[in-house]
Amino acid sequence: MTAAPLPVRTGRILALVCIVLLALNLRTAVASLSPVFDEIDADIPLSSVAIGVLGTLPPICFAVFGLLAPAIGRRIGLDTGILLSAVVMTVGHLVRGFAPDYSVLLIGSVLALAGVGVGNVLLPPAVKRYFPERIGALTALTSALLAMSAAVPPLISAPLATSAGWRTDLAVWGLIAITAVVPWVVLWLRERRVRSAAALGDDPEVEEPALLGRTWRSPVAWSTATVFAASSFNAYAMFAWLPQILVDTAGTDAFTAGALLSLYAIVGFPAGILVPLLAVRMRNTGLLVYAGVAFFLIGYGGLLLVPGTATWLWVSAAGLGPLLFPLAMVLINLRTRTHQGSAALSGFTQGVGYTVGATGPLLLGLLHQGTGSWTPPLLLVTAMGVAAIPAGIALTRPRMLEDDLAGDALPKGSR
């Protein structure tokens, strides 16, 4: 059954503000904690295992709550689901700021990251719902804002924690997160008034259980998830191990290795803006997948063969490989017809992708420990990049998620 079209909205500026402020808060829970571990340790002892658990939480929470997010959105509505995610994220920040011990710090982190995990998944369908004709531009904007959300906290958290204390620092990010709550409350109230006036009921979410329960059967879903997983695995692995790889293989000092890790992150910023704009104009988005794989091959090939020569070039190339991330994000909307389909594909893609990504640092560490060499780990990340090629081939066909599910058992009258 197809949902009745929503009334023409006059509040697009409000919707844009909501999307912008949500995106600006979707990485602060990750990026604001690690810079203040030393300050926290002075009050709450943090062992290496305790820090490791906190460091592993983001991809795990993103995967678990990403898989749950489409059902949450369908159950309570897209706007309500995003509002709930922003509230939970805010509460998590504040709980961390007032944590008296490690267990409460852990609970606060789980809450904050749970809110982020749901927000990650419901953000693309919100873009599709409110700006269906501006998917490329809005995806480029949100990709840039996500990068900013990850880049700003490390610059602010440590100085703020030094001057005002780590509790104040973590609580401040909770107060900032409220900026994502307030406009969504306004939009939530407005949408309900609009729907009530139009006699559309409580929420226009579509009763299409096949989109949630059968997405795993879709080649479109698996192709998109594979692209996302290749990017996620490589990014998490490199953020964890690239500095050590460079010190051991290229002979760089710790300061230079840290600067090169920053270069790895920075080179992906323009790609995050450009790739969505290109994807909406290209008939064959598989070409962008091949470009990402080519960058992985160049970057890791250089680090394997001549790591001490033009190291910055190999790091830059490897950093361009994760252009697959913004590509997967825009494909979530380009390969679905409705925002309900977008939510289902977003949850599947990010759930699978973050699950795979969470294994990256661990697998590289185990390989290095077992072999005493960085060659097997670099070959592994190369292989994970190459694994996106079949997905690129599949994505050459302009097929939608709903097309894949058309043969499944849908409610009567939905075919």
Protein backbone atom coordinates (compact mmCIF):
# COMPACT_ATOMS: atom_id res chain seq x y z
CA MET A 1 0.00 0.00 0.00
CA THR A 2 1.40 3.39 -0.96
CA ALA A 3 1.10 6.21 1.56
CA ALA A 4 -1.03 9.19 0.67
CA PRO A 5 1.20 12.08 -0.29
CA LEU A 6 1.88 14.54 2.47
CA PRO A 7 0.68 18.12 2.06
CA VAL A 8 3.08 20.55 0.43
CA ARG A 9 5.29 21.88 3.20
CA THR A 10 5.99 25.52 3.82
CA GLY A 11 8.48 24.73 6.59
CA ARG A 12 11.40 23.57 4.46
CA ILE A 13 13.72 26.04 6.15
CA LEU A 14 12.77 24.50 9.50
CA ALA A 15 13.40 21.01 8.10
CA LEU A 16 16.80 22.13 6.79
CA VAL A 17 17.72 23.56 10.20
CA CYS A 18 16.68 20.27 11.83
CA ILE A 19 18.78 18.19 9.45
CA VAL A 20 21.82 20.48 9.78
CA LEU A 21 21.77 20.53 13.59
CA LEU A 22 21.25 16.79 13.81
CA ALA A 23 24.21 16.13 11.50
CA LEU A 24 26.38 18.52 13.53
CA ASN A 25 25.78 16.41 16.64
CA LEU A 26 26.14 12.91 15.23
CA ARG A 27 29.88 12.49 15.89
CA THR A 28 30.49 14.56 19.04
CA ALA A 29 29.75 11.57 21.29
CA VAL A 30 32.64 9.73 19.61
CA ALA A 31 35.11 12.55 19.18
CA SER A 32 34.74 14.34 22.54
CA LEU A 33 35.66 11.47 24.88
CA SER A 34 39.10 10.15 23.91
CA PRO A 35 40.87 13.56 24.15
CA VAL A 36 40.03 13.74 27.89
CA PHE A 37 40.87 10.19 28.98
CA ASP A 38 43.83 11.45 31.02
CA GLU A 39 41.66 13.95 32.91
CA ILE A 40 38.97 11.32 33.53
CA ASP A 41 41.59 8.86 34.77
CA ALA A 42 42.50 11.25 37.57
CA ASP A 43 38.97 10.85 39.02
CA ILE A 44 37.82 7.52 37.57
CA PRO A 45 40.68 5.03 37.06
CA LEU A 46 40.69 3.83 33.45
CA SER A 47 42.60 0.67 32.64
CA SER A 48 43.66 -0.17 29.10
CA VAL A 49 40.76 -2.63 28.93
CA ALA A 50 38.30 0.04 30.12
CA ILE A 51 39.53 2.46 27.46
CA GLY A 52 39.42 -0.31 24.87
CA VAL A 53 35.78 -1.02 25.69
CA LEU A 54 34.88 2.66 25.33
CA GLY A 55 36.77 2.77 22.04
CA THR A 56 34.95 -0.28 20.69
CA LEU A 57 31.47 0.98 21.62
CA PRO A 58 30.89 3.34 18.65
CA PRO A 59 30.85 0.84 15.78
CA ILE A 60 29.06 -1.75 17.93
CA CYS A 61 26.32 0.69 18.97
CA PHE A 62 26.06 2.05 15.43
CA ALA A 63 25.57 -1.49 14.13
CA VAL A 64 23.08 -2.69 16.75
CA PHE A 65 20.94 0.43 16.89
CA GLY A 66 21.32 0.95 13.16
CA LEU A 67 19.64 -2.39 12.59
CA LEU A 68 16.86 -1.45 15.04
CA ALA A 69 16.35 2.08 13.70
CA PRO A 70 14.08 1.23 10.71
CA ALA A 71 11.69 -0.67 12.98
CA ILE A 72 11.74 2.23 15.44
CA GLY A 73 11.02 4.71 12.63
CA ARG A 74 8.20 2.56 11.30
CA ARG A 75 6.73 1.98 14.74
CA ILE A 76 6.65 5.56 16.02
CA GLY A 77 7.23 7.58 12.85
CA LEU A 78 10.28 9.12 11.20
CA ASP A 79 10.09 12.51 12.92
CA THR A 80 9.36 10.94 16.31
CA GLY A 81 12.21 8.47 15.86
CA ILE A 82 14.70 11.23 15.10
CA LEU A 83 13.43 13.34 17.98
CA LEU A 84 13.81 10.36 20.32
CA SER A 85 17.34 9.74 19.05
CA ALA A 86 18.31 13.38 19.70
CA VAL A 87 16.86 13.26 23.22
CA VAL A 88 18.62 9.99 24.09
CA MET A 89 21.88 11.34 22.65
CA THR A 90 21.56 14.48 24.80
CA VAL A 91 20.79 12.48 27.95
CA GLY A 92 23.79 10.26 27.27
CA HIS A 93 26.13 13.25 27.04
CA LEU A 94 24.82 14.64 30.34
CA VAL A 95 25.03 11.27 32.11
CA ARG A 96 28.67 11.01 31.06
CA GLY A 97 29.33 14.50 32.39
CA PHE A 98 27.93 13.65 35.84
CA ALA A 99 29.29 10.08 35.98
CA PRO A 100 30.61 9.21 39.47
CA ASP A 101 32.25 5.98 38.32
CA TYR A 102 33.15 3.93 35.26
CA SER A 103 29.86 2.02 35.10
CA VAL A 104 27.84 5.24 34.79
CA LEU A 105 30.34 6.61 32.28
CA LEU A 106 29.81 3.43 30.26
CA ILE A 107 26.00 3.68 30.51
CA GLY A 108 26.10 7.32 29.41
CA SER A 109 28.29 6.39 26.46
CA VAL A 110 25.91 3.63 25.40
CA LEU A 111 22.95 6.04 25.61
CA ALA A 112 24.73 8.74 23.61
CA LEU A 113 25.89 6.29 20.96
CA ALA A 114 22.47 4.60 20.79
CA GLY A 115 20.95 7.97 19.95
CA VAL A 116 23.64 8.51 17.34
CA GLY A 117 23.09 5.04 15.88
CA VAL A 118 19.39 5.70 15.32
CA GLY A 119 20.08 9.21 14.03
CA ASN A 120 22.66 7.89 11.57
CA VAL A 121 20.06 5.66 9.96
CA LEU A 122 17.06 7.99 10.01
CA LEU A 123 18.95 11.01 8.67
CA PRO A 124 19.04 9.83 4.99
CA PRO A 125 15.27 9.10 4.88
CA ALA A 126 14.66 12.52 6.43
CA VAL A 127 16.63 14.06 3.57
CA LYS A 128 14.59 12.03 1.08
CA ARG A 129 11.31 12.95 2.72
CA TYR A 130 11.82 16.71 2.99
CA PHE A 131 14.17 17.34 0.05
CA PRO A 132 13.54 14.59 -2.55
CA GLU A 133 14.72 16.84 -5.38
CA ARG A 134 17.95 17.87 -3.58
CA ILE A 135 19.31 14.51 -2.46
CA GLY A 136 22.81 15.03 -3.85
CA ALA A 137 23.24 18.51 -2.41
CA LEU A 138 21.80 17.61 0.99
CA THR A 139 23.87 14.42 1.23
CA ALA A 140 26.99 16.42 0.39
CA LEU A 141 26.04 18.95 3.07
CA THR A 142 25.40 16.32 5.73
CA SER A 143 28.66 14.52 4.86
CA ALA A 144 30.54 17.78 5.41
CA LEU A 145 28.71 18.41 8.67
CA LEU A 146 29.47 14.89 9.92
CA ALA A 147 33.15 15.51 9.21
CA MET A 148 32.95 18.81 11.10
CA SER A 149 31.19 17.06 13.97
CA ALA A 150 34.14 14.69 14.22
CA ALA A 151 36.86 17.32 13.72
CA VAL A 152 35.81 20.07 16.14
CA PRO A 153 35.52 18.24 19.51
CA PRO A 154 39.18 17.11 19.65
CA LEU A 155 40.21 20.76 19.22
CA ILE A 156 37.97 21.96 22.06
CA SER A 157 37.63 19.12 24.53
CA ALA A 158 41.18 18.92 25.89
CA PRO A 159 41.58 22.69 26.53
CA LEU A 160 38.09 22.90 28.04
CA ALA A 161 38.71 19.89 30.27
CA THR A 162 42.01 21.38 31.42
CA SER A 163 40.46 24.73 32.31
CA ALA A 164 37.01 23.72 33.56
CA GLY A 165 37.24 19.97 34.22
CA TRP A 166 36.31 16.93 32.17
CA ARG A 167 32.79 16.78 33.61
CA THR A 168 32.08 20.28 32.36
CA ASP A 169 33.53 19.41 28.99
CA LEU A 170 31.34 16.32 28.51
CA ALA A 171 28.25 18.13 29.84
CA VAL A 172 28.82 20.99 27.38
CA TRP A 173 28.40 18.59 24.47
CA GLY A 174 25.08 17.59 26.00
CA LEU A 175 23.97 21.21 26.06
CA ILE A 176 25.06 21.57 22.45
CA ALA A 177 23.06 18.44 21.58
CA ILE A 178 19.94 20.19 22.86
CA THR A 179 20.21 22.40 19.77
CA ALA A 180 19.30 19.30 17.76
CA VAL A 181 16.33 18.53 20.02
CA VAL A 182 14.54 21.88 20.02
CA PRO A 183 13.97 22.32 16.25
CA TRP A 184 12.89 18.68 15.91
CA VAL A 185 10.27 19.29 18.63
CA VAL A 186 8.99 22.24 16.61
CA LEU A 187 8.97 20.24 13.38
CA TRP A 188 7.34 17.26 15.13
CA LEU A 189 4.51 19.46 16.42
CA ARG A 190 4.11 21.18 13.06
CA GLU A 191 3.93 17.94 11.10
CA ARG A 192 1.24 16.60 13.37
CA ARG A 193 -0.83 19.72 12.91
CA VAL A 194 -0.41 19.46 9.15
CA ARG A 195 -1.39 15.79 9.08
CA SER A 196 -4.31 16.37 11.40
CA ALA A 197 -5.62 19.17 9.18
CA ALA A 198 -5.20 16.94 6.14
CA ALA A 199 -6.93 14.03 7.91
CA LEU A 200 -3.96 11.76 7.27
CA GLY A 201 -3.94 10.19 10.71
CA ASP A 202 -1.21 10.12 13.28
CA ASP A 203 1.69 9.37 11.00
CA PRO A 204 2.15 8.69 7.30
CA GLU A 205 4.51 5.76 7.75
CA VAL A 206 3.73 2.95 5.34
CA GLU A 207 2.77 -0.52 6.43
CA GLU A 208 5.38 -2.31 4.36
CA PRO A 209 6.88 -5.03 6.57
CA ALA A 210 8.70 -6.51 3.58
CA LEU A 211 10.92 -3.44 3.52
CA LEU A 212 12.08 -4.28 7.02
CA GLY A 213 11.87 -8.04 7.23
CA ARG A 214 13.06 -8.98 3.74
CA THR A 215 15.69 -6.37 2.95
CA TRP A 216 18.43 -8.97 3.47
CA ARG A 217 17.19 -10.73 0.29
CA SER A 218 17.85 -7.69 -1.87
CA PRO A 219 20.95 -7.52 -4.12
CA VAL A 220 20.64 -3.72 -3.98
CA ALA A 221 20.81 -3.85 -0.18
CA TRP A 222 23.83 -6.18 -0.14
CA SER A 223 25.66 -4.12 -2.77
CA THR A 224 25.14 -0.90 -0.83
CA ALA A 225 26.08 -2.58 2.45
CA THR A 226 29.25 -4.00 0.88
CA VAL A 227 30.34 -0.54 -0.28
CA PHE A 228 29.69 0.84 3.20
CA ALA A 229 31.45 -2.10 4.89
CA ALA A 230 34.57 -1.73 2.74
CA SER A 231 34.81 1.94 3.69
CA SER A 232 34.02 1.35 7.36
CA PHE A 233 36.52 -1.50 7.77
CA ASN A 234 39.34 0.48 6.20
CA ALA A 235 38.60 3.72 8.04
CA TYR A 236 38.37 2.16 11.51
CA ALA A 237 41.46 0.04 10.88
CA MET A 238 43.53 2.98 9.66
CA PHE A 239 42.46 5.35 12.43
CA ALA A 240 43.53 2.70 14.92
CA TRP A 241 46.81 1.56 13.35
CA LEU A 242 48.07 3.94 10.65
CA PRO A 243 50.42 5.94 12.91
CA GLN A 244 52.06 2.74 14.19
CA ILE A 245 52.29 1.34 10.68
CA LEU A 246 54.08 4.49 9.52
CA VAL A 247 56.49 4.50 12.46
CA ASP A 248 57.39 0.85 11.92
CA THR A 249 57.52 0.71 8.11
CA ALA A 250 58.25 4.24 6.90
CA GLY A 251 60.52 5.26 9.76
CA THR A 252 58.51 8.39 10.59
CA ASP A 253 58.55 9.83 14.10
CA ALA A 254 55.41 9.87 16.23
CA PHE A 255 54.66 13.54 15.51
CA THR A 256 54.88 13.07 11.74
CA ALA A 257 52.78 9.90 11.94
CA GLY A 258 50.08 11.83 13.78
CA ALA A 259 50.19 14.59 11.18
CA LEU A 260 49.84 12.01 8.40
CA LEU A 261 46.81 10.52 10.16
CA SER A 262 45.27 14.00 10.09
CA LEU A 263 46.10 14.16 6.38
CA TYR A 264 44.35 10.78 5.93
CA ALA A 265 41.20 12.27 7.48
CA ILE A 266 41.36 15.65 5.74
CA VAL A 267 41.69 14.39 2.16
CA GLY A 268 38.35 12.63 2.48
CA PHE A 269 36.55 15.90 3.24
CA PRO A 270 36.28 17.22 -0.35
CA ALA A 271 35.37 13.73 -1.55
CA GLY A 272 32.48 13.71 0.89
CA ILE A 273 31.11 16.83 -0.78
CA LEU A 274 31.90 15.96 -4.40
CA VAL A 275 30.88 12.28 -4.52
CA PRO A 276 27.15 12.74 -3.71
CA LEU A 277 26.91 15.53 -6.29
CA LEU A 278 28.50 13.29 -8.92
CA ALA A 279 26.46 10.23 -7.97
CA VAL A 280 23.09 11.88 -8.59
CA ARG A 281 24.25 12.84 -12.11
CA MET A 282 25.87 9.55 -13.14
CA ARG A 283 24.08 6.69 -14.82
CA ASN A 284 26.75 4.24 -13.69
CA THR A 285 27.60 4.83 -10.03
CA GLY A 286 29.75 1.70 -10.14
CA LEU A 287 32.49 3.91 -11.60
CA LEU A 288 32.75 5.72 -8.26
CA VAL A 289 33.15 2.37 -6.51
CA TYR A 290 36.02 1.50 -8.85
CA ALA A 291 37.61 4.89 -8.15
CA GLY A 292 37.52 4.22 -4.41
CA VAL A 293 39.04 0.76 -4.89
CA ALA A 294 41.76 2.24 -7.12
CA PHE A 295 42.71 4.73 -4.39
CA PHE A 296 42.94 1.89 -1.87
CA LEU A 297 45.21 -0.07 -4.22
CA ILE A 298 47.48 2.91 -4.87
CA GLY A 299 47.70 3.90 -1.19
CA TYR A 300 48.24 0.46 0.30
CA GLY A 301 50.45 -0.60 -2.61
CA GLY A 302 52.74 2.32 -1.91
CA LEU A 303 52.83 1.57 1.82
CA LEU A 304 53.66 -2.06 1.07
CA LEU A 305 56.34 -1.48 -1.57
CA VAL A 306 57.96 1.91 -0.87
CA PRO A 307 56.58 3.19 2.44
CA GLY A 308 59.47 5.58 3.08
CA THR A 309 59.17 7.29 -0.33
CA ALA A 310 56.41 9.89 -0.89
CA THR A 311 54.65 8.60 2.23
CA TRP A 312 52.24 11.54 2.15
CA LEU A 313 51.10 10.45 -1.33
CA TRP A 314 50.27 6.90 -0.23
CA VAL A 315 48.46 8.15 2.87
CA SER A 316 46.49 10.63 0.77
CA ALA A 317 45.46 7.93 -1.70
CA ALA A 318 44.42 5.58 1.10
CA GLY A 319 42.43 8.44 2.64
CA LEU A 320 40.53 8.95 -0.63
CA GLY A 321 39.46 5.29 -0.69
CA PRO A 322 36.72 5.90 1.92
CA LEU A 323 34.91 8.08 -0.62
CA LEU A 324 32.83 4.89 -0.60
CA PHE A 325 31.18 6.16 2.61
CA PRO A 326 29.42 9.22 1.13
CA LEU A 327 28.68 7.13 -1.95
CA ALA A 328 26.87 4.53 0.15
CA MET A 329 24.98 7.29 1.98
CA VAL A 330 23.67 8.83 -1.23
CA LEU A 331 22.89 5.40 -2.71
CA ILE A 332 20.55 4.81 0.23
CA ASN A 333 18.30 7.47 -1.27
CA LEU A 334 19.10 6.96 -4.95
CA ARG A 335 18.18 3.25 -4.83
CA THR A 336 14.85 3.63 -3.02
CA ARG A 337 11.55 5.19 -4.02
CA THR A 338 10.14 6.16 -0.62
CA HIS A 339 11.54 7.37 2.66
CA GLN A 340 10.29 4.12 4.20
CA GLY A 341 12.45 2.19 1.75
CA SER A 342 15.29 4.59 2.49
CA ALA A 343 14.97 3.88 6.23
CA ALA A 344 15.02 0.11 5.62
CA LEU A 345 18.04 0.30 3.30
CA SER A 346 19.81 2.74 5.63
CA GLY A 347 19.38 0.45 8.63
CA PHE A 348 20.55 -2.63 6.75
CA THR A 349 23.50 -0.87 5.12
CA GLN A 350 24.78 0.77 8.29
CA GLY A 351 24.02 -2.22 10.50
CA VAL A 352 26.03 -4.57 8.29
CA GLY A 353 28.68 -1.97 7.50
CA TYR A 354 29.44 -0.97 11.08
CA THR A 355 29.44 -4.60 12.19
CA VAL A 356 32.16 -5.35 9.64
CA GLY A 357 33.96 -2.10 10.45
CA ALA A 358 34.13 -2.91 14.15
CA THR A 359 36.29 -5.94 13.38
CA GLY A 360 38.92 -3.95 11.49
CA PRO A 361 41.16 -2.73 14.35
CA LEU A 362 40.98 -6.11 16.10
CA LEU A 363 41.83 -8.17 13.01
CA LEU A 364 44.75 -5.93 12.06
CA GLY A 365 46.08 -6.10 15.61
CA LEU A 366 45.81 -9.89 15.73
CA LEU A 367 47.50 -10.26 12.33
CA HIS A 368 50.36 -8.00 13.33
CA GLN A 369 50.79 -9.73 16.67
CA GLY A 370 50.75 -13.16 15.04
CA THR A 371 53.14 -12.37 12.19
CA GLY A 372 55.29 -9.56 13.56
CA SER A 373 54.85 -7.77 10.24
CA TRP A 374 52.54 -5.12 8.84
CA THR A 375 52.41 -6.78 5.42
CA PRO A 376 49.52 -9.18 6.21
CA PRO A 377 47.42 -6.39 7.81
CA LEU A 378 47.98 -4.13 4.79
CA LEU A 379 47.06 -6.99 2.47
CA LEU A 380 43.87 -7.50 4.48
CA VAL A 381 42.71 -3.88 4.18
CA THR A 382 43.58 -4.04 0.47
CA ALA A 383 41.44 -7.16 0.08
CA MET A 384 38.55 -5.50 1.91
CA GLY A 385 38.76 -2.59 -0.51
CA VAL A 386 38.84 -4.90 -3.53
CA ALA A 387 35.76 -6.69 -2.12
CA ALA A 388 33.71 -3.65 -3.16
CA ILE A 389 34.27 -4.38 -6.88
CA PRO A 390 31.41 -6.93 -7.20
CA ALA A 391 29.15 -4.38 -5.52
CA GLY A 392 30.23 -1.81 -8.09
CA ILE A 393 29.33 -4.23 -10.88
CA ALA A 394 25.92 -4.85 -9.33
CA LEU A 395 25.30 -1.13 -8.92
CA THR A 396 25.74 -0.52 -12.64
CA ARG A 397 22.13 -1.67 -12.99
CA PRO A 398 19.63 1.12 -12.16
CA ARG A 399 17.56 -1.08 -9.86
CA MET A 400 15.64 -0.03 -6.72
CA LEU A 401 15.28 -1.81 -3.39
CA GLU A 402 11.53 -2.00 -3.96
CA ASP A 403 12.15 -3.78 -7.29
CA ASP A 404 14.08 -6.52 -5.51
CA LEU A 405 11.25 -6.97 -3.03
CA ALA A 406 8.45 -6.88 -5.59
CA GLY A 407 8.35 -10.68 -5.77
CA ASP A 408 8.20 -11.11 -2.00
CA ALA A 409 4.99 -11.44 -0.09
CA LEU A 410 3.69 -7.92 0.33
CA PRO A 411 0.38 -6.82 1.77
CA LYS A 412 -2.45 -7.26 -0.66
CA GLY A 413 -2.72 -4.38 -3.08
CA SER A 414 0.89 -3.28 -2.60
CA ARG A 415 2.25 -4.83 -5.79
